[in-house]
């Protein structure tokens, strides 16, 4: 039996078994973390951007 992920929505605070990744928080020291939203709240977040795109290479 496969267990579905259970996460709390960052916007409404409800728990969901269908979380949508809306943001990845990168940390300079130590591990970063992911921010999830429920499918109803996820469209209210802008698309994720690659942090490396902000550098002129």
PDB file of N, CA and C in Angstrom:
ATOM      1  N   UNK A   1       0.848  -1.189   0.000  1.00  0.00           N
ATOM      2  CA  UNK A   1       0.000   0.000   0.000  1.00  0.00           C
ATOM      3  C   UNK A   1       0.892   1.250   0.000  1.00  0.00           C
ATOM      4  N   UNK A   2       0.615   2.169  -0.897  1.00  0.00           N
ATOM      5  CA  UNK A   2       1.372   3.408  -0.995  1.00  0.00           C
ATOM      6  C   UNK A   2       0.691   4.491  -0.167  1.00  0.00           C
ATOM      7  N   UNK A   3       1.487   5.158   0.640  1.00  0.00           N
ATOM      8  CA  UNK A   3       0.958   6.246   1.466  1.00  0.00           C
ATOM      9  C   UNK A   3       1.100   7.561   0.728  1.00  0.00           C
ATOM     10  N   UNK A   4       0.029   8.324   0.633  1.00  0.00           N
ATOM     11  CA  UNK A   4       0.058   9.619  -0.046  1.00  0.00           C
ATOM     12  C   UNK A   4       0.669  10.665   0.871  1.00  0.00           C
ATOM     13  N   UNK A   5       1.365  11.647   0.291  1.00  0.00           N
ATOM     14  CA  UNK A   5       1.962  12.701   1.129  1.00  0.00           C
ATOM     15  C   UNK A   5       0.872  13.565   1.763  1.00  0.00           C
ATOM     16  N   UNK A   6       1.112  13.999   2.954  1.00  0.00           N
ATOM     17  CA  UNK A   6       0.181  14.862   3.669  1.00  0.00           C
ATOM     18  C   UNK A   6       0.939  16.120   4.060  1.00  0.00           C
ATOM     19  N   UNK A   7       0.519  17.261   3.556  1.00  0.00           N
ATOM     20  CA  UNK A   7       1.195  18.530   3.832  1.00  0.00           C
ATOM     21  C   UNK A   7       0.155  19.587   4.213  1.00  0.00           C
ATOM     22  N   UNK A   8       0.638  20.635   4.875  1.00  0.00           N
ATOM     23  CA  UNK A   8      -0.229  21.752   5.220  1.00  0.00           C
ATOM     24  C   UNK A   8      -0.072  22.853   4.177  1.00  0.00           C
ATOM     25  N   UNK A   9      -1.179  23.431   3.768  1.00  0.00           N
ATOM     26  CA  UNK A   9      -1.170  24.525   2.798  1.00  0.00           C
ATOM     27  C   UNK A   9      -0.670  25.790   3.476  1.00  0.00           C
ATOM     28  N   UNK A  10       0.289  26.450   2.833  1.00  0.00           N
ATOM     29  CA  UNK A  10       0.872  27.666   3.386  1.00  0.00           C
ATOM     30  C   UNK A  10      -0.122  28.833   3.362  1.00  0.00           C
ATOM     31  N   UNK A  11      -1.110  28.782   2.507  1.00  0.00           N
ATOM     32  CA  UNK A  11      -2.052  29.901   2.364  1.00  0.00           C
ATOM     33  C   UNK A  11      -3.259  29.766   3.292  1.00  0.00           C
ATOM     34  N   UNK A  12      -3.958  28.608   3.244  1.00  0.00           N
ATOM     35  CA  UNK A  12      -5.193  28.471   4.023  1.00  0.00           C
ATOM     36  C   UNK A  12      -5.007  27.669   5.307  1.00  0.00           C
ATOM     37  N   UNK A  13      -3.872  26.957   5.442  1.00  0.00           N
ATOM     38  CA  UNK A  13      -3.591  26.206   6.655  1.00  0.00           C
ATOM     39  C   UNK A  13      -4.248  24.839   6.728  1.00  0.00           C
ATOM     40  N   UNK A  14      -5.001  24.449   5.711  1.00  0.00           N
ATOM     41  CA  UNK A  14      -5.635  23.129   5.697  1.00  0.00           C
ATOM     42  C   UNK A  14      -4.617  22.072   5.297  1.00  0.00           C
ATOM     43  N   UNK A  15      -4.818  20.857   5.773  1.00  0.00           N
ATOM     44  CA  UNK A  15      -3.958  19.766   5.336  1.00  0.00           C
ATOM     45  C   UNK A  15      -4.519  19.190   4.046  1.00  0.00           C
ATOM     46  N   UNK A  16      -3.622  18.742   3.176  1.00  0.00           N
ATOM     47  CA  UNK A  16      -4.022  18.185   1.894  1.00  0.00           C
ATOM     48  C   UNK A  16      -3.191  16.963   1.572  1.00  0.00           C
ATOM     49  N   UNK A  17      -3.822  15.988   0.920  1.00  0.00           N
ATOM     50  CA  UNK A  17      -3.075  14.819   0.471  1.00  0.00           C
ATOM     51  C   UNK A  17      -2.696  14.959  -1.005  1.00  0.00           C
ATOM     52  N   UNK A  18      -2.923  16.164  -1.569  1.00  0.00           N
ATOM     53  CA  UNK A  18      -2.516  16.479  -2.945  1.00  0.00           C
ATOM     54  C   UNK A  18      -1.709  17.777  -2.959  1.00  0.00           C
ATOM     55  N   UNK A  19      -0.591  17.835  -2.232  1.00  0.00           N
ATOM     56  CA  UNK A  19       0.156  19.092  -2.131  1.00  0.00           C
ATOM     57  C   UNK A  19       0.805  19.482  -3.458  1.00  0.00           C
ATOM     58  N   UNK A  20       0.881  20.799  -3.664  1.00  0.00           N
ATOM     59  CA  UNK A  20       1.523  21.369  -4.847  1.00  0.00           C
ATOM     60  C   UNK A  20       2.719  22.188  -4.355  1.00  0.00           C
ATOM     61  N   UNK A  21       3.885  21.904  -4.891  1.00  0.00           N
ATOM     62  CA  UNK A  21       5.088  22.650  -4.523  1.00  0.00           C
ATOM     63  C   UNK A  21       4.992  24.056  -5.118  1.00  0.00           C
ATOM     64  N   UNK A  22       4.976  25.084  -4.263  1.00  0.00           N
ATOM     65  CA  UNK A  22       4.845  26.459  -4.756  1.00  0.00           C
ATOM     66  C   UNK A  22       6.110  27.280  -4.572  1.00  0.00           C
ATOM     67  N   UNK A  23       7.039  26.796  -3.725  1.00  0.00           N
ATOM     68  CA  UNK A  23       8.255  27.571  -3.493  1.00  0.00           C
ATOM     69  C   UNK A  23       9.327  26.673  -2.889  1.00  0.00           C
ATOM     70  N   UNK A  24      10.559  26.880  -3.303  1.00  0.00           N
ATOM     71  CA  UNK A  24      11.707  26.205  -2.703  1.00  0.00           C
ATOM     72  C   UNK A  24      12.557  27.267  -2.036  1.00  0.00           C
ATOM     73  N   UNK A  25      12.776  27.125  -0.737  1.00  0.00           N
ATOM     74  CA  UNK A  25      13.573  28.087   0.008  1.00  0.00           C
ATOM     75  C   UNK A  25      14.991  27.541   0.088  1.00  0.00           C
ATOM     76  N   UNK A  26      15.943  28.265  -0.489  1.00  0.00           N
ATOM     77  CA  UNK A  26      17.348  27.869  -0.469  1.00  0.00           C
ATOM     78  C   UNK A  26      18.032  28.543   0.712  1.00  0.00           C
ATOM     79  N   UNK A  27      18.897  27.815   1.361  1.00  0.00           N
ATOM     80  CA  UNK A  27      19.610  28.339   2.521  1.00  0.00           C
ATOM     81  C   UNK A  27      21.106  28.373   2.234  1.00  0.00           C
ATOM     82  N   UNK A  28      21.769  29.405   2.704  1.00  0.00           N
ATOM     83  CA  UNK A  28      23.212  29.523   2.507  1.00  0.00           C
ATOM     84  C   UNK A  28      23.961  28.488   3.340  1.00  0.00           C
ATOM     85  N   UNK A  29      23.447  28.203   4.514  1.00  0.00           N
ATOM     86  CA  UNK A  29      24.058  27.180   5.361  1.00  0.00           C
ATOM     87  C   UNK A  29      22.964  26.196   5.750  1.00  0.00           C
ATOM     88  N   UNK A  30      23.227  24.939   5.598  1.00  0.00           N
ATOM     89  CA  UNK A  30      22.246  23.919   5.959  1.00  0.00           C
ATOM     90  C   UNK A  30      21.240  23.684   4.846  1.00  0.00           C
ATOM     91  N   UNK A  31      20.331  22.761   5.085  1.00  0.00           N
ATOM     92  CA  UNK A  31      19.360  22.424   4.054  1.00  0.00           C
ATOM     93  C   UNK A  31      18.272  23.488   3.933  1.00  0.00           C
ATOM     94  N   UNK A  32      17.730  23.625   2.746  1.00  0.00           N
ATOM     95  CA  UNK A  32      16.583  24.495   2.533  1.00  0.00           C
ATOM     96  C   UNK A  32      15.308  23.721   2.826  1.00  0.00           C
ATOM     97  N   UNK A  33      14.188  24.247   2.387  1.00  0.00           N
ATOM     98  CA  UNK A  33      12.930  23.538   2.597  1.00  0.00           C
ATOM     99  C   UNK A  33      11.948  23.901   1.492  1.00  0.00           C
ATOM    100  N   UNK A  34      10.915  23.089   1.367  1.00  0.00           N
ATOM    101  CA  UNK A  34       9.891  23.294   0.354  1.00  0.00           C
ATOM    102  C   UNK A  34       8.629  23.850   0.993  1.00  0.00           C
ATOM    103  N   UNK A  35       7.889  24.652   0.239  1.00  0.00           N
ATOM    104  CA  UNK A  35       6.634  25.233   0.682  1.00  0.00           C
ATOM    105  C   UNK A  35       5.533  24.683  -0.217  1.00  0.00           C
ATOM    106  N   UNK A  36       4.480  24.186   0.398  1.00  0.00           N
ATOM    107  CA  UNK A  36       3.398  23.550  -0.344  1.00  0.00           C
ATOM    108  C   UNK A  36       2.085  24.302  -0.166  1.00  0.00           C
ATOM    109  N   UNK A  37       1.195  24.125  -1.143  1.00  0.00           N
ATOM    110  CA  UNK A  37      -0.148  24.672  -1.079  1.00  0.00           C
ATOM    111  C   UNK A  37      -1.120  23.595  -1.533  1.00  0.00           C
ATOM    112  N   UNK A  38      -2.371  23.748  -1.184  1.00  0.00           N
ATOM    113  CA  UNK A  38      -3.395  22.823  -1.665  1.00  0.00           C
ATOM    114  C   UNK A  38      -3.710  23.177  -3.123  1.00  0.00           C
ATOM    115  N   UNK A  39      -4.313  22.285  -3.875  1.00  0.00           N
ATOM    116  CA  UNK A  39      -4.600  22.561  -5.288  1.00  0.00           C
ATOM    117  C   UNK A  39      -5.469  23.806  -5.511  1.00  0.00           C
ATOM    118  N   UNK A  40      -6.313  24.148  -4.551  1.00  0.00           N
ATOM    119  CA  UNK A  40      -7.172  25.331  -4.698  1.00  0.00           C
ATOM    120  C   UNK A  40      -6.394  26.635  -4.506  1.00  0.00           C
ATOM    121  N   UNK A  41      -5.395  26.631  -3.627  1.00  0.00           N
ATOM    122  CA  UNK A  41      -4.624  27.843  -3.341  1.00  0.00           C
ATOM    123  C   UNK A  41      -3.409  28.004  -4.246  1.00  0.00           C
ATOM    124  N   UNK A  42      -2.908  26.933  -4.822  1.00  0.00           N
ATOM    125  CA  UNK A  42      -1.676  26.972  -5.619  1.00  0.00           C
ATOM    126  C   UNK A  42      -1.715  27.983  -6.770  1.00  0.00           C
ATOM    127  N   UNK A  43      -2.834  28.162  -7.475  1.00  0.00           N
ATOM    128  CA  UNK A  43      -2.838  29.148  -8.573  1.00  0.00           C
ATOM    129  C   UNK A  43      -2.604  30.593  -8.122  1.00  0.00           C
ATOM    130  N   UNK A  44      -2.715  30.871  -6.831  1.00  0.00           N
ATOM    131  CA  UNK A  44      -2.512  32.225  -6.315  1.00  0.00           C
ATOM    132  C   UNK A  44      -1.036  32.575  -6.148  1.00  0.00           C
ATOM    133  N   UNK A  45      -0.135  31.616  -6.405  1.00  0.00           N
ATOM    134  CA  UNK A  45       1.297  31.837  -6.286  1.00  0.00           C
ATOM    135  C   UNK A  45       1.913  32.016  -7.660  1.00  0.00           C
ATOM    136  N   UNK A  46       2.873  32.933  -7.799  1.00  0.00           N
ATOM    137  CA  UNK A  46       3.549  33.093  -9.098  1.00  0.00           C
ATOM    138  C   UNK A  46       4.411  31.872  -9.384  1.00  0.00           C
ATOM    139  N   UNK A  47       4.725  31.615 -10.633  1.00  0.00           N
ATOM    140  CA  UNK A  47       5.581  30.470 -10.955  1.00  0.00           C
ATOM    141  C   UNK A  47       6.960  30.608 -10.305  1.00  0.00           C
ATOM    142  N   UNK A  48       7.555  29.472  -9.976  1.00  0.00           N
ATOM    143  CA  UNK A  48       8.888  29.484  -9.372  1.00  0.00           C
ATOM    144  C   UNK A  48       9.913  29.965 -10.378  1.00  0.00           C
ATOM    145  N   UNK A  49      10.920  30.654  -9.867  1.00  0.00           N
ATOM    146  CA  UNK A  49      12.018  31.110 -10.710  1.00  0.00           C
ATOM    147  C   UNK A  49      13.301  30.418 -10.273  1.00  0.00           C
ATOM    148  N   UNK A  50      14.154  30.148 -11.206  1.00  0.00           N
ATOM    149  CA  UNK A  50      15.450  29.569 -10.904  1.00  0.00           C
ATOM    150  C   UNK A  50      16.332  30.677 -10.322  1.00  0.00           C
ATOM    151  N   UNK A  51      16.857  30.514  -9.102  1.00  0.00           N
ATOM    152  CA  UNK A  51      17.671  31.581  -8.509  1.00  0.00           C
ATOM    153  C   UNK A  51      18.926  31.893  -9.313  1.00  0.00           C
ATOM    154  N   UNK A  52      19.416  30.948 -10.091  1.00  0.00           N
ATOM    155  CA  UNK A  52      20.617  31.194 -10.874  1.00  0.00           C
ATOM    156  C   UNK A  52      20.342  32.080 -12.103  1.00  0.00           C
ATOM    157  N   UNK A  53      19.068  32.232 -12.477  1.00  0.00           N
ATOM    158  CA  UNK A  53      18.746  33.087 -13.613  1.00  0.00           C
ATOM    159  C   UNK A  53      18.970  34.566 -13.322  1.00  0.00           C
ATOM    160  N   UNK A  54      19.047  34.926 -12.045  1.00  0.00           N
ATOM    161  CA  UNK A  54      19.246  36.330 -11.690  1.00  0.00           C
ATOM    162  C   UNK A  54      20.685  36.788 -11.854  1.00  0.00           C
ATOM    163  N   UNK A  55      21.601  35.845 -12.066  1.00  0.00           N
ATOM    164  CA  UNK A  55      23.008  36.188 -12.275  1.00  0.00           C
ATOM    165  C   UNK A  55      23.301  36.383 -13.751  1.00  0.00           C
ATOM    166  N   UNK A  56      24.121  37.370 -14.057  1.00  0.00           N
ATOM    167  CA  UNK A  56      24.592  37.560 -15.420  1.00  0.00           C
ATOM    168  C   UNK A  56      25.834  36.688 -15.609  1.00  0.00           C
ATOM    169  N   UNK A  57      25.697  35.656 -16.395  1.00  0.00           N
ATOM    170  CA  UNK A  57      26.829  34.756 -16.604  1.00  0.00           C
ATOM    171  C   UNK A  57      27.447  34.989 -17.956  1.00  0.00           C
TER     172      UNK A  57
END
